[in-house]
C-alpha cells in the first residue's frame, strides 16, 4: 500500500522474499512447507515426490489418478499411460503392460 508504515504478514500458501510487494505462490512441481511459519524464498517450497503432481501454488502434493503416472519428482502434472499400457491405481510411478489379447488405449485405467 502507498504510504504504509508497516508490512503485511505473508499469506498462507505463499512465500514472501525480502522487499516483496506481494506474496508469491510456490512454483509448479513444488508445494508449501507446512513446517515453516514464514516462507521467504521459493527454495522453502518442497519438491513434489514421484507419483504425484503439484500445479503452481499447491498446498500439498496430489497423487496421480488411475490411467496416469509420474516417474520423476517435481512434476506439475501426471502423464497419461501410453497405448498398450494401463494403471489401475492412483499414486504410481509407471504404467503396467496391457494383458495379452486386450486393448489398452492411451490413459487406460483398466
Protein backbone atom coordinates (compact mmCIF):
# COMPACT_ATOMS: atom_id res chain seq x y z
CA UNK A 1 0.00 0.00 0.00
CA UNK A 2 1.23 3.50 -0.81
CA UNK A 3 2.18 5.33 2.39
CA UNK A 4 2.08 2.16 4.51
CA UNK A 5 4.12 2.28 7.69
CA UNK A 6 4.32 -1.48 8.27
CA UNK A 7 4.46 -4.71 6.27
CA UNK A 8 1.62 -7.20 5.94
CA UNK A 9 2.05 -10.81 7.01
CA UNK A 10 2.81 -13.25 4.20
CA UNK A 11 -0.28 -15.19 3.12
CA UNK A 12 -0.56 -18.90 3.85
CA UNK A 13 0.46 -20.97 0.83
CA UNK A 14 2.90 -18.35 -0.44
CA UNK A 15 6.43 -17.14 0.13
CA UNK A 16 7.50 -13.54 0.59
CA UNK A 17 11.05 -12.53 -0.32
CA UNK A 18 12.54 -9.52 1.47
CA UNK A 19 11.10 -6.38 -0.09
CA UNK A 20 8.28 -8.20 -1.89
CA UNK A 21 5.25 -6.10 -2.79
CA UNK A 22 3.01 -9.20 -2.96
CA UNK A 23 3.10 -12.85 -1.84
CA UNK A 24 4.33 -15.34 -4.45
CA UNK A 25 2.99 -18.91 -4.95
CA UNK A 26 5.27 -21.93 -4.86
CA UNK A 27 6.34 -22.80 -8.43
CA UNK A 28 4.87 -25.73 -10.37
CA UNK A 29 6.34 -29.04 -9.18
CA UNK A 30 6.57 -27.83 -5.57
CA UNK A 31 4.23 -27.17 -2.65
CA UNK A 32 4.28 -25.15 0.56
CA UNK A 33 6.35 -26.28 3.52
CA UNK A 34 3.85 -26.76 6.38
CA UNK A 35 6.66 -26.89 8.97
CA UNK A 36 7.62 -23.24 8.30
CA UNK A 37 5.58 -20.40 9.75
CA UNK A 38 7.00 -17.99 7.17
CA UNK A 39 8.48 -18.87 3.79
CA UNK A 40 10.89 -16.26 2.41
CA UNK A 41 12.15 -17.97 -0.76
CA UNK A 42 10.99 -20.39 -3.43
CA UNK A 43 13.74 -22.62 -2.01
CA UNK A 44 11.48 -23.04 1.05
CA UNK A 45 8.92 -24.82 -1.16
CA UNK A 46 9.07 -28.64 -1.11
CA UNK A 47 9.60 -30.66 -4.31
CA UNK A 48 6.67 -32.96 -5.01
CA UNK A 49 7.69 -36.64 -4.95
CA UNK A 50 7.41 -39.06 -7.87
CA UNK A 51 3.87 -40.49 -8.35
CA UNK A 52 2.40 -37.05 -7.53
CA UNK A 53 1.97 -33.64 -9.14
CA UNK A 54 1.83 -30.03 -7.95
CA UNK A 55 0.47 -27.18 -10.06
CA UNK A 56 1.65 -23.63 -9.26
CA UNK A 57 0.55 -22.57 -5.77
CA UNK A 58 -0.07 -26.07 -4.38
CA UNK A 59 -0.65 -26.60 -0.67
CA UNK A 60 0.34 -30.27 -0.94
CA UNK A 61 1.24 -32.95 -3.50
CA UNK A 62 -1.66 -34.75 -5.24
CA UNK A 63 -1.45 -38.43 -6.21
CA UNK A 64 -1.59 -39.19 -9.92
CA UNK A 65 -5.02 -40.58 -10.85
CA UNK A 66 -5.57 -44.07 -12.33
CA UNK A 67 -4.58 -44.05 -16.01
CA UNK A 68 -1.71 -41.65 -15.30
CA UNK A 69 1.76 -41.75 -13.72
CA UNK A 70 4.70 -39.56 -12.73
CA UNK A 71 8.10 -41.22 -12.86
CA UNK A 72 10.00 -38.15 -11.66
CA UNK A 73 9.80 -35.80 -8.68
CA UNK A 74 8.93 -32.14 -9.22
CA UNK A 75 6.21 -32.57 -11.85
CA UNK A 76 3.38 -30.09 -12.45
CA UNK A 77 1.12 -32.75 -13.98
CA UNK A 78 0.93 -36.52 -14.45
CA UNK A 79 1.43 -38.20 -17.82
CA UNK A 80 -1.22 -40.42 -19.38
CA UNK A 81 -0.30 -44.08 -19.78
CA UNK A 82 0.76 -44.71 -23.41
CA UNK A 83 -1.24 -47.05 -25.68
CA UNK A 84 -0.61 -50.69 -24.70
CA UNK A 85 -0.18 -49.78 -21.01
CA UNK A 86 -2.59 -49.06 -18.14
CA UNK A 87 -2.59 -48.08 -14.46
CA UNK A 88 -5.49 -49.13 -12.24
CA UNK A 89 -4.23 -47.46 -9.05
CA UNK A 90 -3.51 -43.88 -8.03
CA UNK A 91 -0.11 -42.53 -6.97
CA UNK A 92 2.10 -44.66 -9.24
CA UNK A 93 5.43 -44.04 -11.00
CA UNK A 94 4.82 -46.27 -14.02
CA UNK A 95 2.13 -48.00 -16.03
CA UNK A 96 1.55 -51.73 -16.35
CA UNK A 97 1.72 -53.65 -19.63
CA UNK A 98 -1.70 -54.46 -21.07
CA UNK A 99 -2.77 -58.10 -20.68
CA UNK A 100 -2.11 -60.17 -23.81
CA UNK A 101 -5.18 -60.23 -26.03
CA UNK A 102 -6.59 -57.00 -24.53
CA UNK A 103 -6.53 -53.45 -25.89
CA UNK A 104 -5.39 -50.58 -23.71
CA UNK A 105 -5.90 -47.07 -25.13
CA UNK A 106 -3.86 -44.05 -24.04
CA UNK A 107 -4.72 -43.19 -20.42
CA UNK A 108 -6.29 -46.60 -19.71
CA UNK A 109 -7.10 -47.30 -16.07
CA UNK A 110 -8.18 -50.93 -16.51
